C-alpha cells in the first residue's frame, strides 16, 4: 500500500513546499507517522464501533484536535527539525508492526 500512495503524497508534499506552505524538511515518512499517530489517538478516544457507547471520559474528536496542532507545526520556519526522518525501510518496518 505504501508503494501505491507514495508518489501521490510526494507530489502533494512537493507542491506544498513550492507554494511555501510546508516546511522544507518534511518528508513522506513524517506525514505517514503523523497520520498513524492521529489515527491511533482517534481509535483510542473516539466513538466506539458498532453498538458500543461513545467514550466521553476522554472526549471526542481528539484526533481532529491533534491533527490541527500538527498541521500548525508543519508550517514553514527557519528552524530545522532535530534528527533525521525515518528511512523508507524503517517506515516499512513500523507499518508492518502496526
PDB file of N, CA and C in Angstrom:
ATOM      1  N   UNK A   1       0.815  -1.184   0.000  1.00  0.00           N
ATOM      2  CA  UNK A   1       0.000   0.000   0.000  1.00  0.00           C
ATOM      3  C   UNK A   1       0.867   1.261   0.000  1.00  0.00           C
ATOM      4  N   UNK A   2       1.942   1.248   0.773  1.00  0.00           N
ATOM      5  CA  UNK A   2       2.814   2.426   0.840  1.00  0.00           C
ATOM      6  C   UNK A   2       3.331   2.771  -0.551  1.00  0.00           C
ATOM      7  N   UNK A   3       3.713   1.757  -1.304  1.00  0.00           N
ATOM      8  CA  UNK A   3       4.238   1.998  -2.660  1.00  0.00           C
ATOM      9  C   UNK A   3       3.192   2.653  -3.557  1.00  0.00           C
ATOM     10  N   UNK A   4       1.926   2.342  -3.333  1.00  0.00           N
ATOM     11  CA  UNK A   4       0.857   2.902  -4.165  1.00  0.00           C
ATOM     12  C   UNK A   4       0.589   4.370  -3.864  1.00  0.00           C
ATOM     13  N   UNK A   5       0.694   4.761  -2.611  1.00  0.00           N
ATOM     14  CA  UNK A   5       0.353   6.146  -2.260  1.00  0.00           C
ATOM     15  C   UNK A   5       1.559   7.083  -2.226  1.00  0.00           C
ATOM     16  N   UNK A   6       2.760   6.505  -2.182  1.00  0.00           N
ATOM     17  CA  UNK A   6       3.961   7.347  -2.076  1.00  0.00           C
ATOM     18  C   UNK A   6       4.058   8.401  -3.168  1.00  0.00           C
ATOM     19  N   UNK A   7       3.898   8.062  -4.455  1.00  0.00           N
ATOM     20  CA  UNK A   7       4.034   9.102  -5.488  1.00  0.00           C
ATOM     21  C   UNK A   7       3.039  10.255  -5.310  1.00  0.00           C
ATOM     22  N   UNK A   8       1.800   9.941  -4.993  1.00  0.00           N
ATOM     23  CA  UNK A   8       0.789  10.998  -4.839  1.00  0.00           C
ATOM     24  C   UNK A   8       1.101  11.878  -3.629  1.00  0.00           C
ATOM     25  N   UNK A   9       1.485  11.265  -2.517  1.00  0.00           N
ATOM     26  CA  UNK A   9       1.802  12.049  -1.323  1.00  0.00           C
ATOM     27  C   UNK A   9       3.058  12.882  -1.559  1.00  0.00           C
ATOM     28  N   UNK A  10       4.045  12.311  -2.235  1.00  0.00           N
ATOM     29  CA  UNK A  10       5.257  13.078  -2.538  1.00  0.00           C
ATOM     30  C   UNK A  10       4.953  14.277  -3.439  1.00  0.00           C
ATOM     31  N   UNK A  11       4.011  14.124  -4.372  1.00  0.00           N
ATOM     32  CA  UNK A  11       3.599  15.269  -5.210  1.00  0.00           C
ATOM     33  C   UNK A  11       2.940  16.346  -4.348  1.00  0.00           C
ATOM     34  N   UNK A  12       2.072  15.934  -3.438  1.00  0.00           N
ATOM     35  CA  UNK A  12       1.434  16.900  -2.531  1.00  0.00           C
ATOM     36  C   UNK A  12       2.479  17.630  -1.684  1.00  0.00           C
ATOM     37  N   UNK A  13       3.433  16.886  -1.190  1.00  0.00           N
ATOM     38  CA  UNK A  13       4.499  17.488  -0.381  1.00  0.00           C
ATOM     39  C   UNK A  13       5.297  18.480  -1.210  1.00  0.00           C
ATOM     40  N   UNK A  14       5.679  18.081  -2.415  1.00  0.00           N
ATOM     41  CA  UNK A  14       6.461  18.964  -3.289  1.00  0.00           C
ATOM     42  C   UNK A  14       5.678  20.225  -3.640  1.00  0.00           C
ATOM     43  N   UNK A  15       4.407  20.068  -3.945  1.00  0.00           N
ATOM     44  CA  UNK A  15       3.571  21.233  -4.280  1.00  0.00           C
ATOM     45  C   UNK A  15       3.423  22.171  -3.087  1.00  0.00           C
ATOM     46  N   UNK A  16       3.234  21.613  -1.892  1.00  0.00           N
ATOM     47  CA  UNK A  16       3.092  22.443  -0.698  1.00  0.00           C
ATOM     48  C   UNK A  16       4.394  23.181  -0.390  1.00  0.00           C
ATOM     49  N   UNK A  17       5.514  22.499  -0.576  1.00  0.00           N
ATOM     50  CA  UNK A  17       6.805  23.161  -0.358  1.00  0.00           C
ATOM     51  C   UNK A  17       7.009  24.278  -1.371  1.00  0.00           C
ATOM     52  N   UNK A  18       6.669  24.005  -2.633  1.00  0.00           N
ATOM     53  CA  UNK A  18       6.828  25.016  -3.684  1.00  0.00           C
ATOM     54  C   UNK A  18       5.930  26.223  -3.429  1.00  0.00           C
ATOM     55  N   UNK A  19       4.766  25.986  -2.839  1.00  0.00           N
ATOM     56  CA  UNK A  19       3.836  27.076  -2.530  1.00  0.00           C
ATOM     57  C   UNK A  19       4.236  27.809  -1.249  1.00  0.00           C
ATOM     58  N   UNK A  20       5.214  27.278  -0.535  1.00  0.00           N
ATOM     59  CA  UNK A  20       5.655  27.919   0.697  1.00  0.00           C
ATOM     60  C   UNK A  20       4.754  27.657   1.888  1.00  0.00           C
ATOM     61  N   UNK A  21       3.958  26.579   1.830  1.00  0.00           N
ATOM     62  CA  UNK A  21       3.025  26.292   2.917  1.00  0.00           C
ATOM     63  C   UNK A  21       3.434  25.086   3.764  1.00  0.00           C
ATOM     64  N   UNK A  22       4.592  24.507   3.453  1.00  0.00           N
ATOM     65  CA  UNK A  22       5.079  23.335   4.188  1.00  0.00           C
ATOM     66  C   UNK A  22       6.568  23.492   4.444  1.00  0.00           C
ATOM     67  N   UNK A  23       6.982  23.108   5.626  1.00  0.00           N
ATOM     68  CA  UNK A  23       8.410  23.137   5.963  1.00  0.00           C
ATOM     69  C   UNK A  23       9.212  22.431   4.878  1.00  0.00           C
ATOM     70  N   UNK A  24      10.394  22.916   4.610  1.00  0.00           N
ATOM     71  CA  UNK A  24      11.224  22.330   3.562  1.00  0.00           C
ATOM     72  C   UNK A  24      11.822  20.988   3.971  1.00  0.00           C
ATOM     73  N   UNK A  25      11.835  20.673   5.258  1.00  0.00           N
ATOM     74  CA  UNK A  25      12.464  19.430   5.710  1.00  0.00           C
ATOM     75  C   UNK A  25      11.466  18.315   6.044  1.00  0.00           C
ATOM     76  N   UNK A  26      10.201  18.485   5.680  1.00  0.00           N
ATOM     77  CA  UNK A  26       9.190  17.448   5.901  1.00  0.00           C
ATOM     78  C   UNK A  26       9.284  16.402   4.796  1.00  0.00           C
ATOM     79  N   UNK A  27       9.170  15.127   5.185  1.00  0.00           N
ATOM     80  CA  UNK A  27       9.262  14.018   4.230  1.00  0.00           C
ATOM     81  C   UNK A  27       7.998  13.159   4.268  1.00  0.00           C
ATOM     82  N   UNK A  28       7.918  12.235   3.329  1.00  0.00           N
ATOM     83  CA  UNK A  28       6.803  11.294   3.277  1.00  0.00           C
ATOM     84  C   UNK A  28       6.680  10.535   4.595  1.00  0.00           C
ATOM     85  N   UNK A  29       7.807  10.058   5.132  1.00  0.00           N
ATOM     86  CA  UNK A  29       7.720   9.285   6.373  1.00  0.00           C
ATOM     87  C   UNK A  29       7.195  10.132   7.527  1.00  0.00           C
ATOM     88  N   UNK A  30       7.519  11.424   7.548  1.00  0.00           N
ATOM     89  CA  UNK A  30       6.968  12.309   8.582  1.00  0.00           C
ATOM     90  C   UNK A  30       5.445  12.343   8.494  1.00  0.00           C
ATOM     91  N   UNK A  31       4.940  12.519   7.294  1.00  0.00           N
ATOM     92  CA  UNK A  31       3.489  12.591   7.092  1.00  0.00           C
ATOM     93  C   UNK A  31       2.829  11.263   7.465  1.00  0.00           C
ATOM     94  N   UNK A  32       3.447  10.154   7.073  1.00  0.00           N
ATOM     95  CA  UNK A  32       2.882   8.837   7.384  1.00  0.00           C
ATOM     96  C   UNK A  32       2.796   8.625   8.895  1.00  0.00           C
ATOM     97  N   UNK A  33       3.840   8.976   9.616  1.00  0.00           N
ATOM     98  CA  UNK A  33       3.847   8.804  11.070  1.00  0.00           C
ATOM     99  C   UNK A  33       2.813   9.719  11.725  1.00  0.00           C
ATOM    100  N   UNK A  34       2.695  10.933  11.243  1.00  0.00           N
ATOM    101  CA  UNK A  34       1.704  11.861  11.782  1.00  0.00           C
ATOM    102  C   UNK A  34       0.298  11.280  11.615  1.00  0.00           C
ATOM    103  N   UNK A  35      -0.002  10.793  10.430  1.00  0.00           N
ATOM    104  CA  UNK A  35      -1.333  10.236  10.188  1.00  0.00           C
ATOM    105  C   UNK A  35      -1.590   8.991  11.030  1.00  0.00           C
ATOM    106  N   UNK A  36      -0.565   8.149  11.183  1.00  0.00           N
ATOM    107  CA  UNK A  36      -0.709   6.963  12.034  1.00  0.00           C
ATOM    108  C   UNK A  36      -0.963   7.368  13.482  1.00  0.00           C
ATOM    109  N   UNK A  37      -0.274   8.395  13.934  1.00  0.00           N
ATOM    110  CA  UNK A  37      -0.433   8.866  15.315  1.00  0.00           C
ATOM    111  C   UNK A  37      -1.839   9.398  15.557  1.00  0.00           C
ATOM    112  N   UNK A  38      -2.307  10.209  14.631  1.00  0.00           N
ATOM    113  CA  UNK A  38      -3.648  10.772  14.768  1.00  0.00           C
ATOM    114  C   UNK A  38      -4.687   9.656  14.745  1.00  0.00           C
ATOM    115  N   UNK A  39      -4.516   8.700  13.858  1.00  0.00           N
ATOM    116  CA  UNK A  39      -5.467   7.582  13.776  1.00  0.00           C
ATOM    117  C   UNK A  39      -5.459   6.780  15.075  1.00  0.00           C
ATOM    118  N   UNK A  40      -4.287   6.565  15.636  1.00  0.00           N
ATOM    119  CA  UNK A  40      -4.178   5.815  16.883  1.00  0.00           C
ATOM    120  C   UNK A  40      -4.923   6.517  18.010  1.00  0.00           C
ATOM    121  N   UNK A  41      -4.765   7.823  18.101  1.00  0.00           N
ATOM    122  CA  UNK A  41      -5.462   8.589  19.138  1.00  0.00           C
ATOM    123  C   UNK A  41      -6.966   8.511  18.919  1.00  0.00           C
ATOM    124  N   UNK A  42      -7.397   8.710  17.695  1.00  0.00           N
ATOM    125  CA  UNK A  42      -8.833   8.675  17.402  1.00  0.00           C
ATOM    126  C   UNK A  42      -9.413   7.292  17.704  1.00  0.00           C
ATOM    127  N   UNK A  43      -8.655   6.232  17.384  1.00  0.00           N
ATOM    128  CA  UNK A  43      -9.122   4.876  17.688  1.00  0.00           C
ATOM    129  C   UNK A  43      -9.280   4.660  19.183  1.00  0.00           C
ATOM    130  N   UNK A  44      -8.423   5.282  19.975  1.00  0.00           N
ATOM    131  CA  UNK A  44      -8.460   5.082  21.425  1.00  0.00           C
ATOM    132  C   UNK A  44      -9.518   5.930  22.123  1.00  0.00           C
ATOM    133  N   UNK A  45      -9.795   7.123  21.629  1.00  0.00           N
ATOM    134  CA  UNK A  45     -10.704   8.011  22.354  1.00  0.00           C
ATOM    135  C   UNK A  45     -11.968   8.361  21.583  1.00  0.00           C
ATOM    136  N   UNK A  46     -12.052   7.974  20.332  1.00  0.00           N
ATOM    137  CA  UNK A  46     -13.211   8.315  19.515  1.00  0.00           C
ATOM    138  C   UNK A  46     -14.389   7.411  19.799  1.00  0.00           C
ATOM    139  N   UNK A  47     -15.473   7.619  19.057  1.00  0.00           N
ATOM    140  CA  UNK A  47     -16.666   6.786  19.235  1.00  0.00           C
ATOM    141  C   UNK A  47     -16.343   5.313  19.017  1.00  0.00           C
ATOM    142  N   UNK A  48     -16.945   4.463  19.807  1.00  0.00           N
ATOM    143  CA  UNK A  48     -16.754   3.024  19.678  1.00  0.00           C
ATOM    144  C   UNK A  48     -17.537   2.530  18.464  1.00  0.00           C
ATOM    145  N   UNK A  49     -17.026   1.496  17.819  1.00  0.00           N
ATOM    146  CA  UNK A  49     -17.697   0.933  16.645  1.00  0.00           C
ATOM    147  C   UNK A  49     -18.941   0.158  17.016  1.00  0.00           C
ATOM    148  N   UNK A  50     -19.772  -0.102  16.037  1.00  0.00           N
ATOM    149  CA  UNK A  50     -20.967  -0.913  16.243  1.00  0.00           C
ATOM    150  C   UNK A  50     -21.947  -0.281  17.205  1.00  0.00           C
ATOM    151  N   UNK A  51     -22.482  -1.104  18.147  1.00  0.00           N
ATOM    152  CA  UNK A  51     -23.474  -0.578  19.075  1.00  0.00           C
ATOM    153  C   UNK A  51     -22.848  -0.124  20.395  1.00  0.00           C
ATOM    154  N   UNK A  52     -21.521  -0.053  20.463  1.00  0.00           N
ATOM    155  CA  UNK A  52     -20.868   0.376  21.705  1.00  0.00           C
ATOM    156  C   UNK A  52     -21.085   1.852  21.964  1.00  0.00           C
ATOM    157  N   UNK A  53     -20.943   2.257  23.215  1.00  0.00           N
ATOM    158  CA  UNK A  53     -21.152   3.668  23.579  1.00  0.00           C
ATOM    159  C   UNK A  53     -19.971   4.538  23.136  1.00  0.00           C
ATOM    160  N   UNK A  54     -20.201   5.811  23.093  1.00  0.00           N
ATOM    161  CA  UNK A  54     -19.137   6.771  22.824  1.00  0.00           C
ATOM    162  C   UNK A  54     -18.372   6.988  24.123  1.00  0.00           C
ATOM    163  N   UNK A  55     -17.059   6.948  24.034  1.00  0.00           N
ATOM    164  CA  UNK A  55     -16.216   7.162  25.212  1.00  0.00           C
ATOM    165  C   UNK A  55     -16.130   8.656  25.476  1.00  0.00           C
ATOM    166  N   UNK A  56     -16.887   9.134  26.444  1.00  0.00           N
ATOM    167  CA  UNK A  56     -16.895  10.565  26.737  1.00  0.00           C
ATOM    168  C   UNK A  56     -15.891  10.929  27.816  1.00  0.00           C
ATOM    169  N   UNK A  57     -15.291   9.925  28.448  1.00  0.00           N
ATOM    170  CA  UNK A  57     -14.322  10.185  29.507  1.00  0.00           C
ATOM    171  C   UNK A  57     -13.133  10.987  28.952  1.00  0.00           C
ATOM    172  N   UNK A  58     -12.678  10.641  27.766  1.00  0.00           N
ATOM    173  CA  UNK A  58     -11.538  11.329  27.163  1.00  0.00           C
ATOM    174  C   UNK A  58     -11.970  12.401  26.177  1.00  0.00           C
ATOM    175  N   UNK A  59     -13.212  12.411  25.814  1.00  0.00           N
ATOM    176  CA  UNK A  59     -13.697  13.413  24.870  1.00  0.00           C
ATOM    177  C   UNK A  59     -13.619  12.915  23.445  1.00  0.00           C
ATOM    178  N   UNK A  60     -14.489  13.444  22.637  1.00  0.00           N
ATOM    179  CA  UNK A  60     -14.492  13.052  21.232  1.00  0.00           C
ATOM    180  C   UNK A  60     -13.669  14.041  20.426  1.00  0.00           C
ATOM    181  N   UNK A  61     -13.330  13.646  19.251  1.00  0.00           N
ATOM    182  CA  UNK A  61     -12.638  14.494  18.282  1.00  0.00           C
ATOM    183  C   UNK A  61     -11.213  14.870  18.688  1.00  0.00           C
ATOM    184  N   UNK A  62     -10.588  14.086  19.541  1.00  0.00           N
ATOM    185  CA  UNK A  62      -9.219  14.384  19.929  1.00  0.00           C
ATOM    186  C   UNK A  62      -8.256  14.193  18.761  1.00  0.00           C
ATOM    187  N   UNK A  63      -8.567  13.239  17.885  1.00  0.00           N
ATOM    188  CA  UNK A  63      -7.738  13.048  16.697  1.00  0.00           C
ATOM    189  C   UNK A  63      -7.753  14.280  15.815  1.00  0.00           C
ATOM    190  N   UNK A  64      -8.916  14.872  15.647  1.00  0.00           N
ATOM    191  CA  UNK A  64      -9.032  16.089  14.843  1.00  0.00           C
ATOM    192  C   UNK A  64      -8.258  17.236  15.481  1.00  0.00           C
ATOM    193  N   UNK A  65      -8.364  17.359  16.793  1.00  0.00           N
ATOM    194  CA  UNK A  65      -7.635  18.411  17.506  1.00  0.00           C
ATOM    195  C   UNK A  65      -6.124  18.227  17.314  1.00  0.00           C
ATOM    196  N   UNK A  66      -5.666  16.994  17.490  1.00  0.00           N
ATOM    197  CA  UNK A  66      -4.247  16.696  17.340  1.00  0.00           C
ATOM    198  C   UNK A  66      -3.773  16.987  15.922  1.00  0.00           C
ATOM    199  N   UNK A  67      -4.583  16.623  14.940  1.00  0.00           N
ATOM    200  CA  UNK A  67      -4.218  16.885  13.549  1.00  0.00           C
ATOM    201  C   UNK A  67      -4.053  18.384  13.293  1.00  0.00           C
ATOM    202  N   UNK A  68      -4.947  19.181  13.828  1.00  0.00           N
ATOM    203  CA  UNK A  68      -4.825  20.639  13.660  1.00  0.00           C
ATOM    204  C   UNK A  68      -3.544  21.168  14.302  1.00  0.00           C
ATOM    205  N   UNK A  69      -3.231  20.674  15.489  1.00  0.00           N
ATOM    206  CA  UNK A  69      -1.995  21.092  16.152  1.00  0.00           C
ATOM    207  C   UNK A  69      -0.770  20.678  15.342  1.00  0.00           C
ATOM    208  N   UNK A  70      -0.804  19.483  14.797  1.00  0.00           N
ATOM    209  CA  UNK A  70       0.327  19.007  14.000  1.00  0.00           C
ATOM    210  C   UNK A  70       0.481  19.792  12.711  1.00  0.00           C
ATOM    211  N   UNK A  71      -0.637  20.110  12.065  1.00  0.00           N
ATOM    212  CA  UNK A  71      -0.563  20.887  10.822  1.00  0.00           C
ATOM    213  C   UNK A  71       0.052  22.253  11.088  1.00  0.00           C
ATOM    214  N   UNK A  72      -0.306  22.877  12.190  1.00  0.00           N
ATOM    215  CA  UNK A  72       0.312  24.158  12.537  1.00  0.00           C
ATOM    216  C   UNK A  72       1.823  24.012  12.645  1.00  0.00           C
ATOM    217  N   UNK A  73       2.288  22.889  13.180  1.00  0.00           N
ATOM    218  CA  UNK A  73       3.717  22.652  13.326  1.00  0.00           C
ATOM    219  C   UNK A  73       4.425  22.346  12.020  1.00  0.00           C
ATOM    220  N   UNK A  74       3.683  22.053  10.964  1.00  0.00           N
ATOM    221  CA  UNK A  74       4.276  21.768   9.659  1.00  0.00           C
ATOM    222  C   UNK A  74       4.507  23.028   8.832  1.00  0.00           C
ATOM    223  N   UNK A  75       4.006  24.140   9.308  1.00  0.00           N
ATOM    224  CA  UNK A  75       4.166  25.390   8.561  1.00  0.00           C
ATOM    225  C   UNK A  75       5.642  25.755   8.472  1.00  0.00           C
ATOM    226  N   UNK A  76       6.003  26.473   7.412  1.00  0.00           N
ATOM    227  CA  UNK A  76       7.412  26.815   7.192  1.00  0.00           C
ATOM    228  C   UNK A  76       8.020  27.610   8.348  1.00  0.00           C
ATOM    229  N   UNK A  77       9.285  27.329   8.596  1.00  0.00           N
ATOM    230  CA  UNK A  77      10.050  28.028   9.621  1.00  0.00           C
ATOM    231  C   UNK A  77      11.527  27.944   9.237  1.00  0.00           C
ATOM    232  N   UNK A  78      12.312  28.790   9.804  1.00  0.00           N
ATOM    233  CA  UNK A  78      13.751  28.769   9.556  1.00  0.00           C
ATOM    234  C   UNK A  78      14.470  27.781  10.477  1.00  0.00           C
ATOM    235  N   UNK A  79      13.776  27.282  11.484  1.00  0.00           N
ATOM    236  CA  UNK A  79      14.392  26.376  12.456  1.00  0.00           C
ATOM    237  C   UNK A  79      14.278  24.940  11.939  1.00  0.00           C
ATOM    238  N   UNK A  80      15.400  24.277  11.696  1.00  0.00           N
ATOM    239  CA  UNK A  80      15.336  22.902  11.186  1.00  0.00           C
ATOM    240  C   UNK A  80      14.860  21.914  12.253  1.00  0.00           C
ATOM    241  N   UNK A  81      14.288  20.829  11.794  1.00  0.00           N
ATOM    242  CA  UNK A  81      13.852  19.774  12.699  1.00  0.00           C
ATOM    243  C   UNK A  81      15.074  19.048  13.266  1.00  0.00           C
ATOM    244  N   UNK A  82      14.998  18.619  14.522  1.00  0.00           N
ATOM    245  CA  UNK A  82      16.097  17.815  15.062  1.00  0.00           C
ATOM    246  C   UNK A  82      16.007  16.395  14.505  1.00  0.00           C
ATOM    247  N   UNK A  83      17.093  15.772  14.296  1.00  0.00           N
ATOM    248  CA  UNK A  83      17.166  14.369  13.885  1.00  0.00           C
ATOM    249  C   UNK A  83      16.696  14.169  12.438  1.00  0.00           C
ATOM    250  N   UNK A  84      17.080  13.058  11.895  1.00  0.00           N
ATOM    251  CA  UNK A  84      16.693  12.708  10.522  1.00  0.00           C
ATOM    252  C   UNK A  84      15.341  12.007  10.524  1.00  0.00           C
ATOM    253  N   UNK A  85      14.627  12.076   9.386  1.00  0.00           N
ATOM    254  CA  UNK A  85      13.358  11.332   9.296  1.00  0.00           C
ATOM    255  C   UNK A  85      13.636   9.837   9.154  1.00  0.00           C
ATOM    256  N   UNK A  86      12.608   9.035   9.338  1.00  0.00           N
ATOM    257  CA  UNK A  86      12.736   7.597   9.118  1.00  0.00           C
ATOM    258  C   UNK A  86      13.087   7.330   7.666  1.00  0.00           C
ATOM    259  N   UNK A  87      13.853   6.288   7.441  1.00  0.00           N
ATOM    260  CA  UNK A  87      14.116   5.854   6.071  1.00  0.00           C
ATOM    261  C   UNK A  87      12.893   5.094   5.563  1.00  0.00           C
ATOM    262  N   UNK A  88      12.863   4.823   4.283  1.00  0.00           N
ATOM    263  CA  UNK A  88      11.764   4.053   3.695  1.00  0.00           C
ATOM    264  C   UNK A  88      11.680   2.672   4.355  1.00  0.00           C
ATOM    265  N   UNK A  89      12.828   2.045   4.597  1.00  0.00           N
ATOM    266  CA  UNK A  89      12.849   0.719   5.229  1.00  0.00           C
ATOM    267  C   UNK A  89      12.341   0.789   6.666  1.00  0.00           C
ATOM    268  N   UNK A  90      12.755   1.805   7.406  1.00  0.00           N
ATOM    269  CA  UNK A  90      12.286   1.952   8.788  1.00  0.00           C
ATOM    270  C   UNK A  90      10.786   2.181   8.838  1.00  0.00           C
ATOM    271  N   UNK A  91      10.276   3.008   7.929  1.00  0.00           N
ATOM    272  CA  UNK A  91       8.837   3.249   7.874  1.00  0.00           C
ATOM    273  C   UNK A  91       8.106   1.952   7.542  1.00  0.00           C
ATOM    274  N   UNK A  92       8.619   1.193   6.590  1.00  0.00           N
ATOM    275  CA  UNK A  92       8.018  -0.089   6.235  1.00  0.00           C
ATOM    276  C   UNK A  92       7.966  -1.035   7.414  1.00  0.00           C
ATOM    277  N   UNK A  93       9.058  -1.109   8.175  1.00  0.00           N
ATOM    278  CA  UNK A  93       9.090  -1.969   9.366  1.00  0.00           C
ATOM    279  C   UNK A  93       8.032  -1.539  10.378  1.00  0.00           C
ATOM    280  N   UNK A  94       7.904  -0.245  10.581  1.00  0.00           N
ATOM    281  CA  UNK A  94       6.917   0.280  11.528  1.00  0.00           C
ATOM    282  C   UNK A  94       5.500  -0.036  11.072  1.00  0.00           C
ATOM    283  N   UNK A  95       5.231   0.117   9.789  1.00  0.00           N
ATOM    284  CA  UNK A  95       3.889  -0.163   9.274  1.00  0.00           C
ATOM    285  C   UNK A  95       3.540  -1.640   9.394  1.00  0.00           C
ATOM    286  N   UNK A  96       4.509  -2.507   9.207  1.00  0.00           N
ATOM    287  CA  UNK A  96       4.272  -3.950   9.317  1.00  0.00           C
ATOM    288  C   UNK A  96       3.941  -4.321  10.761  1.00  0.00           C
ATOM    289  N   UNK A  97       4.633  -3.687  11.711  1.00  0.00           N
ATOM    290  CA  UNK A  97       4.379  -3.975  13.127  1.00  0.00           C
ATOM    291  C   UNK A  97       3.019  -3.462  13.573  1.00  0.00           C
ATOM    292  N   UNK A  98       2.516  -2.414  12.857  1.00  0.00           N
ATOM    293  CA  UNK A  98       1.212  -1.855  13.179  1.00  0.00           C
ATOM    294  C   UNK A  98       1.258  -1.134  14.446  1.00  0.00           C
TER     295      UNK A  98
END
